[in-house]
Amino acid sequence: MKNRTASSLRLSAALGAAALLGVSLTGCSAIAKLQQSTADAWAVTYEVTVEGVDTATLTDVSYLDQEMRTEERTSVDAGTVTASSAGEGTASWKVDSIVVVGDNAKVSATAAEGERATCRILLDGEREIATATSEPGSAVTCEAIAPPFDK
């Protein structure tokens, strides 16, 4: 009888410890999700322009994307895209995303031979946090860390 009681106690203790561990691990994940969902995040616009043309083909286009604050940032390989007329002899391609304060924002693309591309990263459609211009036919990359909100 003593062996059964001792075995039952050990089994109960092991099950209790496993349950407590499971709850604590789930709790950590829930806390991390809650922190992410309340983190400051910017609306970000990635933009690539080519001057001197009304349309342009950009290759090797990629950018960091995050649809929601609680999701992980992923690298999107957009491949080949068409930059459409933005007026005044400029073709432009844009995509919107979000970026959590302190996270990396990045876009890159390659213009056609003889064309020079310029990339920009804009916060809330206005505040430029990165810009770069390529040599003709070369890749251009813009990258920046999302700054904290002004208090």
C-alpha atoms as a PDB file:
ATOM      1  CA  MET A   1       0.000   0.000   0.000  1.00  0.00           C
ATOM      2  CA  LYS A   2       2.853   2.356   0.821  1.00  0.00           C
ATOM      3  CA  ASN A   3       4.389   1.800  -2.627  1.00  0.00           C
ATOM      4  CA  ARG A   4       1.111   2.669  -4.339  1.00  0.00           C
ATOM      5  CA  THR A   5       0.734   5.853  -2.299  1.00  0.00           C
ATOM      6  CA  ALA A   6       4.335   6.891  -2.965  1.00  0.00           C
ATOM      7  CA  SER A   7       3.956   6.118  -6.698  1.00  0.00           C
ATOM      8  CA  SER A   8       0.703   8.059  -6.847  1.00  0.00           C
ATOM      9  CA  LEU A   9       2.314  11.029  -5.114  1.00  0.00           C
ATOM     10  CA  ARG A  10       5.301  10.977  -7.478  1.00  0.00           C
ATOM     11  CA  LEU A  11       2.988  10.717 -10.505  1.00  0.00           C
ATOM     12  CA  SER A  12       0.821  13.578  -9.212  1.00  0.00           C
ATOM     13  CA  ALA A  13       3.884  15.710  -8.524  1.00  0.00           C
ATOM     14  CA  ALA A  14       5.291  15.029 -12.004  1.00  0.00           C
ATOM     15  CA  LEU A  15       1.960  15.822 -13.677  1.00  0.00           C
ATOM     16  CA  GLY A  16       1.620  18.995 -11.609  1.00  0.00           C
ATOM     17  CA  ALA A  17       5.134  20.121 -12.535  1.00  0.00           C
ATOM     18  CA  ALA A  18       4.482  19.410 -16.216  1.00  0.00           C
ATOM     19  CA  ALA A  19       1.212  21.346 -16.104  1.00  0.00           C
ATOM     20  CA  LEU A  20       2.910  24.272 -14.353  1.00  0.00           C
ATOM     21  CA  LEU A  21       5.710  24.274 -16.926  1.00  0.00           C
ATOM     22  CA  GLY A  22       3.189  24.197 -19.787  1.00  0.00           C
ATOM     23  CA  VAL A  23       1.222  27.100 -18.319  1.00  0.00           C
ATOM     24  CA  SER A  24       4.368  29.148 -17.728  1.00  0.00           C
ATOM     25  CA  LEU A  25       5.650  28.578 -21.276  1.00  0.00           C
ATOM     26  CA  THR A  26       2.268  29.466 -22.764  1.00  0.00           C
ATOM     27  CA  GLY A  27       2.139  32.505 -20.491  1.00  0.00           C
ATOM     28  CA  CYS A  28       5.508  33.747 -21.780  1.00  0.00           C
ATOM     29  CA  SER A  29       4.296  33.426 -25.356  1.00  0.00           C
ATOM     30  CA  ALA A  30       1.077  35.239 -24.506  1.00  0.00           C
ATOM     31  CA  ILE A  31       3.016  38.016 -22.780  1.00  0.00           C
ATOM     32  CA  ALA A  32       5.323  38.399 -25.798  1.00  0.00           C
ATOM     33  CA  LYS A  33       2.298  38.596 -28.135  1.00  0.00           C
ATOM     34  CA  LEU A  34       0.686  41.203 -25.873  1.00  0.00           C
ATOM     35  CA  GLN A  35       3.888  43.275 -25.840  1.00  0.00           C
ATOM     36  CA  GLN A  36       4.119  43.104 -29.646  1.00  0.00           C
ATOM     37  CA  SER A  37       0.463  44.054 -30.088  1.00  0.00           C
ATOM     38  CA  THR A  38       0.941  47.207 -28.030  1.00  0.00           C
ATOM     39  CA  ALA A  39       4.358  48.185 -29.434  1.00  0.00           C
ATOM     40  CA  ASP A  40       4.673  51.478 -31.293  1.00  0.00           C
ATOM     41  CA  ALA A  41       4.619  50.842 -35.041  1.00  0.00           C
ATOM     42  CA  TRP A  42       5.021  53.089 -38.070  1.00  0.00           C
ATOM     43  CA  ALA A  43       3.229  52.849 -41.397  1.00  0.00           C
ATOM     44  CA  VAL A  44       6.129  52.438 -43.820  1.00  0.00           C
ATOM     45  CA  THR A  45       6.236  53.046 -47.573  1.00  0.00           C
ATOM     46  CA  TYR A  46       8.983  51.486 -49.643  1.00  0.00           C
ATOM     47  CA  GLU A  47       9.496  53.396 -52.897  1.00  0.00           C
ATOM     48  CA  VAL A  48      11.777  52.863 -55.903  1.00  0.00           C
ATOM     49  CA  THR A  49      11.860  55.448 -58.709  1.00  0.00           C
ATOM     50  CA  VAL A  50      13.577  55.630 -62.064  1.00  0.00           C
ATOM     51  CA  GLU A  51      14.026  59.056 -63.696  1.00  0.00           C
ATOM     52  CA  GLY A  52      13.817  59.821 -67.394  1.00  0.00           C
ATOM     53  CA  VAL A  53      11.226  57.135 -68.246  1.00  0.00           C
ATOM     54  CA  ASP A  54       7.452  56.745 -68.046  1.00  0.00           C
ATOM     55  CA  THR A  55       7.622  53.018 -67.236  1.00  0.00           C
ATOM     56  CA  ALA A  56      10.509  50.924 -66.006  1.00  0.00           C
ATOM     57  CA  THR A  57      11.150  47.293 -65.211  1.00  0.00           C
ATOM     58  CA  LEU A  58      12.783  46.638 -61.856  1.00  0.00           C
ATOM     59  CA  THR A  59      14.266  43.228 -61.099  1.00  0.00           C
ATOM     60  CA  ASP A  60      15.369  41.497 -57.912  1.00  0.00           C
ATOM     61  CA  VAL A  61      12.870  43.566 -55.920  1.00  0.00           C
ATOM     62  CA  SER A  62      12.641  42.601 -52.251  1.00  0.00           C
ATOM     63  CA  TYR A  63      11.529  44.225 -49.024  1.00  0.00           C
ATOM     64  CA  LEU A  64      10.810  43.459 -45.375  1.00  0.00           C
ATOM     65  CA  ASP A  65       7.110  43.092 -44.644  1.00  0.00           C
ATOM     66  CA  GLN A  66       4.995  42.750 -41.547  1.00  0.00           C
ATOM     67  CA  GLU A  67       1.234  42.784 -42.011  1.00  0.00           C
ATOM     68  CA  MET A  68       0.435  43.031 -38.304  1.00  0.00           C
ATOM     69  CA  ARG A  69       2.438  43.915 -35.197  1.00  0.00           C
ATOM     70  CA  THR A  70       1.995  40.429 -33.764  1.00  0.00           C
ATOM     71  CA  GLU A  71       3.448  38.733 -36.853  1.00  0.00           C
ATOM     72  CA  GLU A  72       7.116  38.168 -37.609  1.00  0.00           C
ATOM     73  CA  ARG A  73       8.798  40.353 -40.232  1.00  0.00           C
ATOM     74  CA  THR A  74       9.430  38.410 -43.410  1.00  0.00           C
ATOM     75  CA  SER A  75      11.493  39.101 -46.488  1.00  0.00           C
ATOM     76  CA  VAL A  76       9.279  39.353 -49.563  1.00  0.00           C
ATOM     77  CA  ASP A  77      10.858  38.533 -52.913  1.00  0.00           C
ATOM     78  CA  ALA A  78       8.665  40.520 -55.329  1.00  0.00           C
ATOM     79  CA  GLY A  79      10.895  39.521 -58.250  1.00  0.00           C
ATOM     80  CA  THR A  80      10.289  41.656 -61.347  1.00  0.00           C
ATOM     81  CA  VAL A  81       7.877  44.600 -61.089  1.00  0.00           C
ATOM     82  CA  THR A  82       6.830  47.438 -63.348  1.00  0.00           C
ATOM     83  CA  ALA A  83       7.342  50.976 -62.132  1.00  0.00           C
ATOM     84  CA  SER A  84       4.526  53.120 -63.530  1.00  0.00           C
ATOM     85  CA  SER A  85       4.498  56.753 -64.522  1.00  0.00           C
ATOM     86  CA  ALA A  86       4.649  59.085 -61.557  1.00  0.00           C
ATOM     87  CA  GLY A  87       4.603  62.151 -63.836  1.00  0.00           C
ATOM     88  CA  GLU A  88       7.410  64.444 -64.966  1.00  0.00           C
ATOM     89  CA  GLY A  89       9.337  61.645 -66.704  1.00  0.00           C
ATOM     90  CA  THR A  90       9.613  59.482 -63.598  1.00  0.00           C
ATOM     91  CA  ALA A  91       8.461  55.907 -63.051  1.00  0.00           C
ATOM     92  CA  SER A  92       7.736  54.742 -59.523  1.00  0.00           C
ATOM     93  CA  TRP A  93       6.944  51.513 -57.665  1.00  0.00           C
ATOM     94  CA  LYS A  94       5.657  51.565 -54.076  1.00  0.00           C
ATOM     95  CA  VAL A  95       4.456  49.137 -51.442  1.00  0.00           C
ATOM     96  CA  ASP A  96       3.142  49.784 -47.927  1.00  0.00           C
ATOM     97  CA  SER A  97       3.829  47.828 -44.756  1.00  0.00           C
ATOM     98  CA  ILE A  98       4.368  48.474 -41.063  1.00  0.00           C
ATOM     99  CA  VAL A  99       7.506  48.459 -38.976  1.00  0.00           C
ATOM    100  CA  VAL A 100       7.710  48.259 -35.190  1.00  0.00           C
ATOM    101  CA  VAL A 101       9.937  50.834 -33.501  1.00  0.00           C
ATOM    102  CA  GLY A 102      13.465  49.422 -33.276  1.00  0.00           C
ATOM    103  CA  ASP A 103      12.952  46.928 -36.123  1.00  0.00           C
ATOM    104  CA  ASN A 104      14.710  47.006 -39.478  1.00  0.00           C
ATOM    105  CA  ALA A 105      13.084  48.369 -42.648  1.00  0.00           C
ATOM    106  CA  LYS A 106      14.658  47.445 -45.987  1.00  0.00           C
ATOM    107  CA  VAL A 107      13.968  47.568 -49.718  1.00  0.00           C
ATOM    108  CA  SER A 108      16.173  46.746 -52.698  1.00  0.00           C
ATOM    109  CA  ALA A 109      15.780  46.603 -56.485  1.00  0.00           C
ATOM    110  CA  THR A 110      17.825  46.600 -59.669  1.00  0.00           C
ATOM    111  CA  ALA A 111      17.108  48.984 -62.556  1.00  0.00           C
ATOM    112  CA  ALA A 112      17.500  48.066 -66.222  1.00  0.00           C
ATOM    113  CA  GLU A 113      20.808  48.599 -67.992  1.00  0.00           C
ATOM    114  CA  GLY A 114      21.468  52.327 -68.391  1.00  0.00           C
ATOM    115  CA  GLU A 115      18.794  53.353 -65.843  1.00  0.00           C
ATOM    116  CA  ARG A 116      19.526  54.741 -62.397  1.00  0.00           C
ATOM    117  CA  ALA A 117      17.159  53.805 -59.536  1.00  0.00           C
ATOM    118  CA  THR A 118      16.544  55.661 -56.293  1.00  0.00           C
ATOM    119  CA  CYS A 119      14.956  54.025 -53.257  1.00  0.00           C
ATOM    120  CA  ARG A 120      13.374  55.656 -50.239  1.00  0.00           C
ATOM    121  CA  ILE A 121      11.836  54.494 -46.996  1.00  0.00           C
ATOM    122  CA  LEU A 122       9.105  56.773 -45.698  1.00  0.00           C
ATOM    123  CA  LEU A 123       7.391  56.704 -42.318  1.00  0.00           C
ATOM    124  CA  ASP A 124       3.720  57.652 -42.376  1.00  0.00           C
ATOM    125  CA  GLY A 125       4.150  58.534 -46.058  1.00  0.00           C
ATOM    126  CA  GLU A 126       6.185  61.663 -45.254  1.00  0.00           C
ATOM    127  CA  ARG A 127       9.228  61.245 -43.028  1.00  0.00           C
ATOM    128  CA  GLU A 128      12.183  59.927 -45.046  1.00  0.00           C
ATOM    129  CA  ILE A 129      14.463  57.685 -42.984  1.00  0.00           C
ATOM    130  CA  ALA A 130      16.582  56.258 -45.819  1.00  0.00           C
ATOM    131  CA  THR A 131      17.444  57.082 -49.420  1.00  0.00           C
ATOM    132  CA  ALA A 132      20.017  55.811 -51.910  1.00  0.00           C
ATOM    133  CA  THR A 133      20.688  56.058 -55.647  1.00  0.00           C
ATOM    134  CA  SER A 134      22.351  53.361 -57.743  1.00  0.00           C
ATOM    135  CA  GLU A 135      24.752  53.521 -60.623  1.00  0.00           C
ATOM    136  CA  PRO A 136      22.979  52.832 -63.953  1.00  0.00           C
ATOM    137  CA  GLY A 137      21.905  49.182 -64.189  1.00  0.00           C
ATOM    138  CA  SER A 138      23.011  48.403 -60.637  1.00  0.00           C
ATOM    139  CA  ALA A 139      21.145  47.380 -57.499  1.00  0.00           C
ATOM    140  CA  VAL A 140      20.002  49.969 -54.993  1.00  0.00           C
ATOM    141  CA  THR A 141      19.265  49.254 -51.319  1.00  0.00           C
ATOM    142  CA  CYS A 142      17.728  51.363 -48.582  1.00  0.00           C
ATOM    143  CA  GLU A 143      17.849  50.168 -44.998  1.00  0.00           C
ATOM    144  CA  ALA A 144      17.101  51.805 -41.651  1.00  0.00           C
ATOM    145  CA  ILE A 145      16.024  51.082 -38.086  1.00  0.00           C
ATOM    146  CA  ALA A 146      12.579  52.482 -37.273  1.00  0.00           C
ATOM    147  CA  PRO A 147      13.116  55.328 -34.804  1.00  0.00           C
ATOM    148  CA  PRO A 148      11.107  55.822 -31.618  1.00  0.00           C
ATOM    149  CA  PHE A 149       8.075  58.079 -31.721  1.00  0.00           C
ATOM    150  CA  ASP A 150       8.633  61.699 -30.803  1.00  0.00           C
ATOM    151  CA  LYS A 151       7.294  62.267 -27.312  1.00  0.00           C
END
